[in-house]
Amino acid sequence: MWTDKQIKGKILHKLTRAGKFEHSHTAIEHTFKGFPPELKGKVKVLSTDLVKEGILYVKKTNYGMQVSINVEKKDAIMEYIDAFLRME
């Protein structure tokens, strides 16, 4: 079973691999991809939690909410990614 920390780690791992830092952003819906269907609701909630924690920047556009990684939160980001990578 996935913990909240592991789910947040997978979201951040995916965004870092895609290079979504600072000014490079992607639709928040893309953070839900790659998870089992039964986790989609939980992933959506945890993505908004990452925004509240300041780990993800939000850019509101006329075509939807876009997110990118806040590099100033490097320690928290690495903690989440480590939790995800340790589960595999």
PDB file of N, CA and C in Angstrom:
ATOM      1  N   MET A   1       0.829  -1.185   0.000  1.00  0.00           N
ATOM      2  CA  MET A   1       0.000   0.000   0.000  1.00  0.00           C
ATOM      3  C   MET A   1       0.873   1.248   0.000  1.00  0.00           C
ATOM      4  N   TRP A   2       0.475   2.226  -0.750  1.00  0.00           N
ATOM      5  CA  TRP A   2       1.213   3.479  -0.877  1.00  0.00           C
ATOM      6  C   TRP A   2       0.948   4.389   0.315  1.00  0.00           C
ATOM      7  N   THR A   3       2.020   4.976   0.869  1.00  0.00           N
ATOM      8  CA  THR A   3       1.850   5.994   1.904  1.00  0.00           C
ATOM      9  C   THR A   3       1.752   7.357   1.222  1.00  0.00           C
ATOM     10  N   ASP A   4       1.294   8.351   1.962  1.00  0.00           N
ATOM     11  CA  ASP A   4       1.189   9.710   1.411  1.00  0.00           C
ATOM     12  C   ASP A   4       2.563  10.217   0.974  1.00  0.00           C
ATOM     13  N   LYS A   5       3.567   9.921   1.771  1.00  0.00           N
ATOM     14  CA  LYS A   5       4.924  10.374   1.475  1.00  0.00           C
ATOM     15  C   LYS A   5       5.439   9.741   0.172  1.00  0.00           C
ATOM     16  N   GLN A   6       5.123   8.480  -0.060  1.00  0.00           N
ATOM     17  CA  GLN A   6       5.561   7.792  -1.273  1.00  0.00           C
ATOM     18  C   GLN A   6       4.843   8.349  -2.511  1.00  0.00           C
ATOM     19  N   ILE A   7       3.569   8.659  -2.359  1.00  0.00           N
ATOM     20  CA  ILE A   7       2.811   9.232  -3.476  1.00  0.00           C
ATOM     21  C   ILE A   7       3.375  10.608  -3.832  1.00  0.00           C
ATOM     22  N   LYS A   8       3.618  11.437  -2.823  1.00  0.00           N
ATOM     23  CA  LYS A   8       4.208  12.750  -3.078  1.00  0.00           C
ATOM     24  C   LYS A   8       5.583  12.589  -3.718  1.00  0.00           C
ATOM     25  N   GLY A   9       6.332  11.586  -3.290  1.00  0.00           N
ATOM     26  CA  GLY A   9       7.644  11.315  -3.869  1.00  0.00           C
ATOM     27  C   GLY A   9       7.566  10.943  -5.331  1.00  0.00           C
ATOM     28  N   LYS A  10       6.580  10.135  -5.695  1.00  0.00           N
ATOM     29  CA  LYS A  10       6.438   9.752  -7.100  1.00  0.00           C
ATOM     30  C   LYS A  10       6.054  10.960  -7.951  1.00  0.00           C
ATOM     31  N   ILE A  11       5.175  11.810  -7.436  1.00  0.00           N
ATOM     32  CA  ILE A  11       4.791  13.021  -8.163  1.00  0.00           C
ATOM     33  C   ILE A  11       6.033  13.885  -8.417  1.00  0.00           C
ATOM     34  N   LEU A  12       6.811  14.116  -7.373  1.00  0.00           N
ATOM     35  CA  LEU A  12       7.998  14.965  -7.500  1.00  0.00           C
ATOM     36  C   LEU A  12       9.079  14.313  -8.351  1.00  0.00           C
ATOM     37  N   HIS A  13       9.218  12.989  -8.252  1.00  0.00           N
ATOM     38  CA  HIS A  13      10.195  12.264  -9.064  1.00  0.00           C
ATOM     39  C   HIS A  13       9.871  12.430 -10.543  1.00  0.00           C
ATOM     40  N   LYS A  14       8.595  12.291 -10.862  1.00  0.00           N
ATOM     41  CA  LYS A  14       8.157  12.425 -12.247  1.00  0.00           C
ATOM     42  C   LYS A  14       8.417  13.852 -12.767  1.00  0.00           C
ATOM     43  N   LEU A  15       8.101  14.858 -11.951  1.00  0.00           N
ATOM     44  CA  LEU A  15       8.305  16.242 -12.375  1.00  0.00           C
ATOM     45  C   LEU A  15       9.786  16.588 -12.503  1.00  0.00           C
ATOM     46  N   THR A  16      10.633  16.057 -11.615  1.00  0.00           N
ATOM     47  CA  THR A  16      12.072  16.343 -11.720  1.00  0.00           C
ATOM     48  C   THR A  16      12.666  15.672 -12.952  1.00  0.00           C
ATOM     49  N   ARG A  17      12.245  14.456 -13.236  1.00  0.00           N
ATOM     50  CA  ARG A  17      12.756  13.766 -14.428  1.00  0.00           C
ATOM     51  C   ARG A  17      12.357  14.497 -15.708  1.00  0.00           C
ATOM     52  N   ALA A  18      11.181  15.157 -15.671  1.00  0.00           N
ATOM     53  CA  ALA A  18      10.714  15.912 -16.837  1.00  0.00           C
ATOM     54  C   ALA A  18      11.297  17.320 -16.877  1.00  0.00           C
ATOM     55  N   GLY A  19      12.047  17.701 -15.840  1.00  0.00           N
ATOM     56  CA  GLY A  19      12.689  19.012 -15.823  1.00  0.00           C
ATOM     57  C   GLY A  19      11.746  20.171 -15.566  1.00  0.00           C
ATOM     58  N   LYS A  20      10.716  19.953 -14.775  1.00  0.00           N
ATOM     59  CA  LYS A  20       9.702  20.979 -14.511  1.00  0.00           C
ATOM     60  C   LYS A  20      10.084  21.827 -13.297  1.00  0.00           C
ATOM     61  N   PHE A  21      11.145  22.616 -13.458  1.00  0.00           N
ATOM     62  CA  PHE A  21      11.631  23.497 -12.407  1.00  0.00           C
ATOM     63  C   PHE A  21      11.315  24.938 -12.773  1.00  0.00           C
ATOM     64  N   GLU A  22      10.986  25.729 -11.744  1.00  0.00           N
ATOM     65  CA  GLU A  22      10.784  27.170 -11.867  1.00  0.00           C
ATOM     66  C   GLU A  22       9.867  27.552 -13.031  1.00  0.00           C
ATOM     67  N   HIS A  23      10.432  27.982 -14.177  1.00  0.00           N
ATOM     68  CA  HIS A  23       9.634  28.536 -15.261  1.00  0.00           C
ATOM     69  C   HIS A  23       9.107  27.485 -16.245  1.00  0.00           C
ATOM     70  N   SER A  24       9.586  26.274 -16.159  1.00  0.00           N
ATOM     71  CA  SER A  24       9.053  25.190 -16.982  1.00  0.00           C
ATOM     72  C   SER A  24       7.934  24.528 -16.186  1.00  0.00           C
ATOM     73  N   HIS A  25       6.724  24.560 -16.715  1.00  0.00           N
ATOM     74  CA  HIS A  25       5.595  24.036 -15.958  1.00  0.00           C
ATOM     75  C   HIS A  25       4.779  23.058 -16.781  1.00  0.00           C
ATOM     76  N   THR A  26       3.889  22.344 -16.105  1.00  0.00           N
ATOM     77  CA  THR A  26       3.022  21.361 -16.742  1.00  0.00           C
ATOM     78  C   THR A  26       1.664  21.405 -16.066  1.00  0.00           C
ATOM     79  N   ALA A  27       0.660  20.868 -16.731  1.00  0.00           N
ATOM     80  CA  ALA A  27      -0.690  20.835 -16.169  1.00  0.00           C
ATOM     81  C   ALA A  27      -0.713  19.945 -14.931  1.00  0.00           C
ATOM     82  N   ILE A  28      -1.449  20.374 -13.922  1.00  0.00           N
ATOM     83  CA  ILE A  28      -1.521  19.602 -12.679  1.00  0.00           C
ATOM     84  C   ILE A  28      -2.131  18.225 -12.934  1.00  0.00           C
ATOM     85  N   GLU A  29      -2.954  18.093 -13.955  1.00  0.00           N
ATOM     86  CA  GLU A  29      -3.559  16.802 -14.288  1.00  0.00           C
ATOM     87  C   GLU A  29      -2.502  15.767 -14.675  1.00  0.00           C
ATOM     88  N   HIS A  30      -1.356  16.223 -15.161  1.00  0.00           N
ATOM     89  CA  HIS A  30      -0.293  15.289 -15.546  1.00  0.00           C
ATOM     90  C   HIS A  30       0.341  14.618 -14.332  1.00  0.00           C
ATOM     91  N   THR A  31       0.164  15.207 -13.145  1.00  0.00           N
ATOM     92  CA  THR A  31       0.714  14.573 -11.948  1.00  0.00           C
ATOM     93  C   THR A  31      -0.068  13.322 -11.571  1.00  0.00           C
ATOM     94  N   PHE A  32      -1.293  13.177 -12.059  1.00  0.00           N
ATOM     95  CA  PHE A  32      -2.129  12.019 -11.715  1.00  0.00           C
ATOM     96  C   PHE A  32      -1.791  10.798 -12.566  1.00  0.00           C
ATOM     97  N   LYS A  33      -1.146  11.007 -13.699  1.00  0.00           N
ATOM     98  CA  LYS A  33      -0.865   9.904 -14.620  1.00  0.00           C
ATOM     99  C   LYS A  33       0.131   8.926 -14.009  1.00  0.00           C
ATOM    100  N   GLY A  34      -0.036   7.641 -14.337  1.00  0.00           N
ATOM    101  CA  GLY A  34       0.898   6.625 -13.880  1.00  0.00           C
ATOM    102  C   GLY A  34       0.526   5.979 -12.557  1.00  0.00           C
ATOM    103  N   PHE A  35      -0.555   6.438 -11.939  1.00  0.00           N
ATOM    104  CA  PHE A  35      -1.022   5.851 -10.691  1.00  0.00           C
ATOM    105  C   PHE A  35      -2.190   4.916 -10.973  1.00  0.00           C
ATOM    106  N   PRO A  36      -2.388   3.904 -10.123  1.00  0.00           N
ATOM    107  CA  PRO A  36      -3.554   3.035 -10.282  1.00  0.00           C
ATOM    108  C   PRO A  36      -4.844   3.850 -10.158  1.00  0.00           C
ATOM    109  N   PRO A  37      -5.888   3.447 -10.849  1.00  0.00           N
ATOM    110  CA  PRO A  37      -7.151   4.209 -10.837  1.00  0.00           C
ATOM    111  C   PRO A  37      -7.712   4.451  -9.434  1.00  0.00           C
ATOM    112  N   GLU A  38      -7.522   3.507  -8.529  1.00  0.00           N
ATOM    113  CA  GLU A  38      -8.088   3.670  -7.181  1.00  0.00           C
ATOM    114  C   GLU A  38      -7.365   4.739  -6.362  1.00  0.00           C
ATOM    115  N   LEU A  39      -6.196   5.194  -6.818  1.00  0.00           N
ATOM    116  CA  LEU A  39      -5.437   6.221  -6.093  1.00  0.00           C
ATOM    117  C   LEU A  39      -5.602   7.620  -6.672  1.00  0.00           C
ATOM    118  N   LYS A  40      -6.311   7.763  -7.791  1.00  0.00           N
ATOM    119  CA  LYS A  40      -6.394   9.056  -8.480  1.00  0.00           C
ATOM    120  C   LYS A  40      -6.923  10.166  -7.567  1.00  0.00           C
ATOM    121  N   GLY A  41      -7.963   9.904  -6.780  1.00  0.00           N
ATOM    122  CA  GLY A  41      -8.512  10.922  -5.889  1.00  0.00           C
ATOM    123  C   GLY A  41      -7.514  11.342  -4.827  1.00  0.00           C
ATOM    124  N   LYS A  42      -6.821  10.373  -4.270  1.00  0.00           N
ATOM    125  CA  LYS A  42      -5.826  10.656  -3.236  1.00  0.00           C
ATOM    126  C   LYS A  42      -4.650  11.445  -3.815  1.00  0.00           C
ATOM    127  N   VAL A  43      -4.247  11.111  -5.038  1.00  0.00           N
ATOM    128  CA  VAL A  43      -3.144  11.809  -5.692  1.00  0.00           C
ATOM    129  C   VAL A  43      -3.519  13.266  -5.927  1.00  0.00           C
ATOM    130  N   LYS A  44      -4.765  13.507  -6.306  1.00  0.00           N
ATOM    131  CA  LYS A  44      -5.227  14.875  -6.536  1.00  0.00           C
ATOM    132  C   LYS A  44      -5.132  15.695  -5.252  1.00  0.00           C
ATOM    133  N   VAL A  45      -5.556  15.116  -4.137  1.00  0.00           N
ATOM    134  CA  VAL A  45      -5.489  15.797  -2.842  1.00  0.00           C
ATOM    135  C   VAL A  45      -4.038  16.060  -2.452  1.00  0.00           C
ATOM    136  N   LEU A  46      -3.175  15.060  -2.633  1.00  0.00           N
ATOM    137  CA  LEU A  46      -1.768  15.218  -2.244  1.00  0.00           C
ATOM    138  C   LEU A  46      -1.023  16.204  -3.147  1.00  0.00           C
ATOM    139  N   SER A  47      -1.453  16.328  -4.409  1.00  0.00           N
ATOM    140  CA  SER A  47      -0.856  17.333  -5.292  1.00  0.00           C
ATOM    141  C   SER A  47      -1.171  18.735  -4.774  1.00  0.00           C
ATOM    142  N   THR A  48      -2.396  18.939  -4.332  1.00  0.00           N
ATOM    143  CA  THR A  48      -2.745  20.250  -3.771  1.00  0.00           C
ATOM    144  C   THR A  48      -2.037  20.471  -2.435  1.00  0.00           C
ATOM    145  N   ASP A  49      -1.771  19.395  -1.684  1.00  0.00           N
ATOM    146  CA  ASP A  49      -0.989  19.521  -0.447  1.00  0.00           C
ATOM    147  C   ASP A  49       0.432  20.008  -0.750  1.00  0.00           C
ATOM    148  N   LEU A  50       1.020  19.504  -1.830  1.00  0.00           N
ATOM    149  CA  LEU A  50       2.366  19.949  -2.220  1.00  0.00           C
ATOM    150  C   LEU A  50       2.366  21.436  -2.572  1.00  0.00           C
ATOM    151  N   VAL A  51       1.278  21.914  -3.148  1.00  0.00           N
ATOM    152  CA  VAL A  51       1.153  23.342  -3.441  1.00  0.00           C
ATOM    153  C   VAL A  51       1.078  24.128  -2.133  1.00  0.00           C
ATOM    154  N   LYS A  52       0.273  23.628  -1.173  1.00  0.00           N
ATOM    155  CA  LYS A  52       0.126  24.301   0.119  1.00  0.00           C
ATOM    156  C   LYS A  52       1.443  24.321   0.891  1.00  0.00           C
ATOM    157  N   GLU A  53       2.253  23.277   0.741  1.00  0.00           N
ATOM    158  CA  GLU A  53       3.556  23.203   1.412  1.00  0.00           C
ATOM    159  C   GLU A  53       4.584  24.114   0.750  1.00  0.00           C
ATOM    160  N   GLY A  54       4.269  24.640  -0.421  1.00  0.00           N
ATOM    161  CA  GLY A  54       5.196  25.518  -1.128  1.00  0.00           C
ATOM    162  C   GLY A  54       6.211  24.770  -1.967  1.00  0.00           C
ATOM    163  N   ILE A  55       6.038  23.474  -2.103  1.00  0.00           N
ATOM    164  CA  ILE A  55       6.976  22.671  -2.893  1.00  0.00           C
ATOM    165  C   ILE A  55       6.680  22.826  -4.385  1.00  0.00           C
ATOM    166  N   LEU A  56       5.416  22.977  -4.724  1.00  0.00           N
ATOM    167  CA  LEU A  56       5.033  23.221  -6.108  1.00  0.00           C
ATOM    168  C   LEU A  56       4.546  24.657  -6.258  1.00  0.00           C
ATOM    169  N   TYR A  57       5.032  25.323  -7.307  1.00  0.00           N
ATOM    170  CA  TYR A  57       4.525  26.641  -7.681  1.00  0.00           C
ATOM    171  C   TYR A  57       3.275  26.444  -8.518  1.00  0.00           C
ATOM    172  N   VAL A  58       2.361  27.383  -8.440  1.00  0.00           N
ATOM    173  CA  VAL A  58       1.156  27.338  -9.262  1.00  0.00           C
ATOM    174  C   VAL A  58       1.161  28.522 -10.212  1.00  0.00           C
ATOM    175  N   LYS A  59       0.865  28.247 -11.462  1.00  0.00           N
ATOM    176  CA  LYS A  59       0.678  29.298 -12.453  1.00  0.00           C
ATOM    177  C   LYS A  59      -0.720  29.086 -13.027  1.00  0.00           C
ATOM    178  N   LYS A  60      -1.607  30.024 -12.732  1.00  0.00           N
ATOM    179  CA  LYS A  60      -2.968  29.911 -13.252  1.00  0.00           C
ATOM    180  C   LYS A  60      -3.007  30.515 -14.652  1.00  0.00           C
ATOM    181  N   THR A  61      -3.512  29.736 -15.579  1.00  0.00           N
ATOM    182  CA  THR A  61      -3.618  30.185 -16.967  1.00  0.00           C
ATOM    183  C   THR A  61      -5.063  30.052 -17.408  1.00  0.00           C
ATOM    184  N   ASN A  62      -5.361  30.583 -18.580  1.00  0.00           N
ATOM    185  CA  ASN A  62      -6.729  30.457 -19.087  1.00  0.00           C
ATOM    186  C   ASN A  62      -7.032  29.041 -19.558  1.00  0.00           C
ATOM    187  N   TYR A  63      -6.028  28.183 -19.660  1.00  0.00           N
ATOM    188  CA  TYR A  63      -6.242  26.798 -20.066  1.00  0.00           C
ATOM    189  C   TYR A  63      -6.025  25.814 -18.922  1.00  0.00           C
ATOM    190  N   GLY A  64      -6.002  26.303 -17.673  1.00  0.00           N
ATOM    191  CA  GLY A  64      -5.916  25.417 -16.517  1.00  0.00           C
ATOM    192  C   GLY A  64      -4.753  25.742 -15.600  1.00  0.00           C
ATOM    193  N   MET A  65      -4.718  25.072 -14.468  1.00  0.00           N
ATOM    194  CA  MET A  65      -3.659  25.295 -13.490  1.00  0.00           C
ATOM    195  C   MET A  65      -2.403  24.527 -13.901  1.00  0.00           C
ATOM    196  N   GLN A  66      -1.282  25.229 -13.887  1.00  0.00           N
ATOM    197  CA  GLN A  66       0.014  24.658 -14.236  1.00  0.00           C
ATOM    198  C   GLN A  66       0.888  24.658 -12.987  1.00  0.00           C
ATOM    199  N   VAL A  67       1.762  23.654 -12.860  1.00  0.00           N
ATOM    200  CA  VAL A  67       2.640  23.561 -11.692  1.00  0.00           C
ATOM    201  C   VAL A  67       4.095  23.357 -12.121  1.00  0.00           C
ATOM    202  N   SER A  68       4.997  23.806 -11.246  1.00  0.00           N
ATOM    203  CA  SER A  68       6.425  23.551 -11.415  1.00  0.00           C
ATOM    204  C   SER A  68       7.028  23.409 -10.021  1.00  0.00           C
ATOM    205  N   ILE A  69       8.255  22.915  -9.953  1.00  0.00           N
ATOM    206  CA  ILE A  69       8.903  22.628  -8.675  1.00  0.00           C
ATOM    207  C   ILE A  69       9.635  23.862  -8.152  1.00  0.00           C
ATOM    208  N   ASN A  70       9.476  24.119  -6.870  1.00  0.00           N
ATOM    209  CA  ASN A  70      10.178  25.195  -6.179  1.00  0.00           C
ATOM    210  C   ASN A  70      11.527  24.642  -5.718  1.00  0.00           C
ATOM    211  N   VAL A  71      12.607  25.042  -6.375  1.00  0.00           N
ATOM    212  CA  VAL A  71      13.925  24.488  -6.065  1.00  0.00           C
ATOM    213  C   VAL A  71      14.441  24.917  -4.695  1.00  0.00           C
ATOM    214  N   GLU A  72      13.850  25.936  -4.107  1.00  0.00           N
ATOM    215  CA  GLU A  72      14.273  26.370  -2.777  1.00  0.00           C
ATOM    216  C   GLU A  72      13.892  25.356  -1.695  1.00  0.00           C
ATOM    217  N   LYS A  73      12.992  24.433  -2.000  1.00  0.00           N
ATOM    218  CA  LYS A  73      12.555  23.399  -1.059  1.00  0.00           C
ATOM    219  C   LYS A  73      13.253  22.073  -1.342  1.00  0.00           C
ATOM    220  N   LYS A  74      14.506  22.145  -1.739  1.00  0.00           N
ATOM    221  CA  LYS A  74      15.265  20.965  -2.171  1.00  0.00           C
ATOM    222  C   LYS A  74      15.280  19.843  -1.128  1.00  0.00           C
ATOM    223  N   ASP A  75      15.465  20.186   0.151  1.00  0.00           N
ATOM    224  CA  ASP A  75      15.550  19.155   1.183  1.00  0.00           C
ATOM    225  C   ASP A  75      14.252  18.371   1.315  1.00  0.00           C
ATOM    226  N   ALA A  76      13.125  19.070   1.317  1.00  0.00           N
ATOM    227  CA  ALA A  76      11.829  18.403   1.419  1.00  0.00           C
ATOM    228  C   ALA A  76      11.560  17.563   0.175  1.00  0.00           C
ATOM    229  N   ILE A  77      11.934  18.080  -0.980  1.00  0.00           N
ATOM    230  CA  ILE A  77      11.733  17.350  -2.236  1.00  0.00           C
ATOM    231  C   ILE A  77      12.520  16.043  -2.215  1.00  0.00           C
ATOM    232  N   MET A  78      13.783  16.118  -1.807  1.00  0.00           N
ATOM    233  CA  MET A  78      14.616  14.916  -1.772  1.00  0.00           C
ATOM    234  C   MET A  78      14.114  13.908  -0.741  1.00  0.00           C
ATOM    235  N   GLU A  79      13.568  14.393   0.363  1.00  0.00           N
ATOM    236  CA  GLU A  79      13.011  13.494   1.375  1.00  0.00           C
ATOM    237  C   GLU A  79      11.841  12.694   0.803  1.00  0.00           C
ATOM    238  N   TYR A  80      10.956  13.365   0.073  1.00  0.00           N
ATOM    239  CA  TYR A  80       9.812  12.683  -0.544  1.00  0.00           C
ATOM    240  C   TYR A  80      10.267  11.708  -1.629  1.00  0.00           C
ATOM    241  N   ILE A  81      11.202  12.143  -2.468  1.00  0.00           N
ATOM    242  CA  ILE A  81      11.671  11.277  -3.554  1.00  0.00           C
ATOM    243  C   ILE A  81      12.378  10.054  -2.981  1.00  0.00           C
ATOM    244  N   ASP A  82      13.170  10.228  -1.932  1.00  0.00           N
ATOM    245  CA  ASP A  82      13.842   9.084  -1.285  1.00  0.00           C
ATOM    246  C   ASP A  82      12.825   8.080  -0.754  1.00  0.00           C
ATOM    247  N   ALA A  83      11.737   8.566  -0.163  1.00  0.00           N
ATOM    248  CA  ALA A  83      10.688   7.662   0.342  1.00  0.00           C
ATOM    249  C   ALA A  83      10.091   6.857  -0.799  1.00  0.00           C
ATOM    250  N   PHE A  84       9.886   7.491  -1.961  1.00  0.00           N
ATOM    251  CA  PHE A  84       9.344   6.775  -3.111  1.00  0.00           C
ATOM    252  C   PHE A  84      10.337   5.756  -3.648  1.00  0.00           C
ATOM    253  N   LEU A  85      11.593   6.140  -3.796  1.00  0.00           N
ATOM    254  CA  LEU A  85      12.586   5.239  -4.383  1.00  0.00           C
ATOM    255  C   LEU A  85      12.897   4.057  -3.474  1.00  0.00           C
ATOM    256  N   ARG A  86      12.783   4.224  -2.172  1.00  0.00           N
ATOM    257  CA  ARG A  86      13.036   3.124  -1.237  1.00  0.00           C
ATOM    258  C   ARG A  86      11.961   2.059  -1.288  1.00  0.00           C
ATOM    259  N   MET A  87      10.770   2.384  -1.778  1.00  0.00           N
ATOM    260  CA  MET A  87       9.685   1.406  -1.797  1.00  0.00           C
ATOM    261  C   MET A  87       9.832   0.418  -2.946  1.00  0.00           C
ATOM    262  N   GLU A  88      10.593   0.775  -3.976  1.00  0.00           N
ATOM    263  CA  GLU A  88      10.705  -0.094  -5.154  1.00  0.00           C
ATOM    264  C   GLU A  88      11.667  -1.225  -4.931  1.00  0.00           C
TER     265      GLU A  88
END
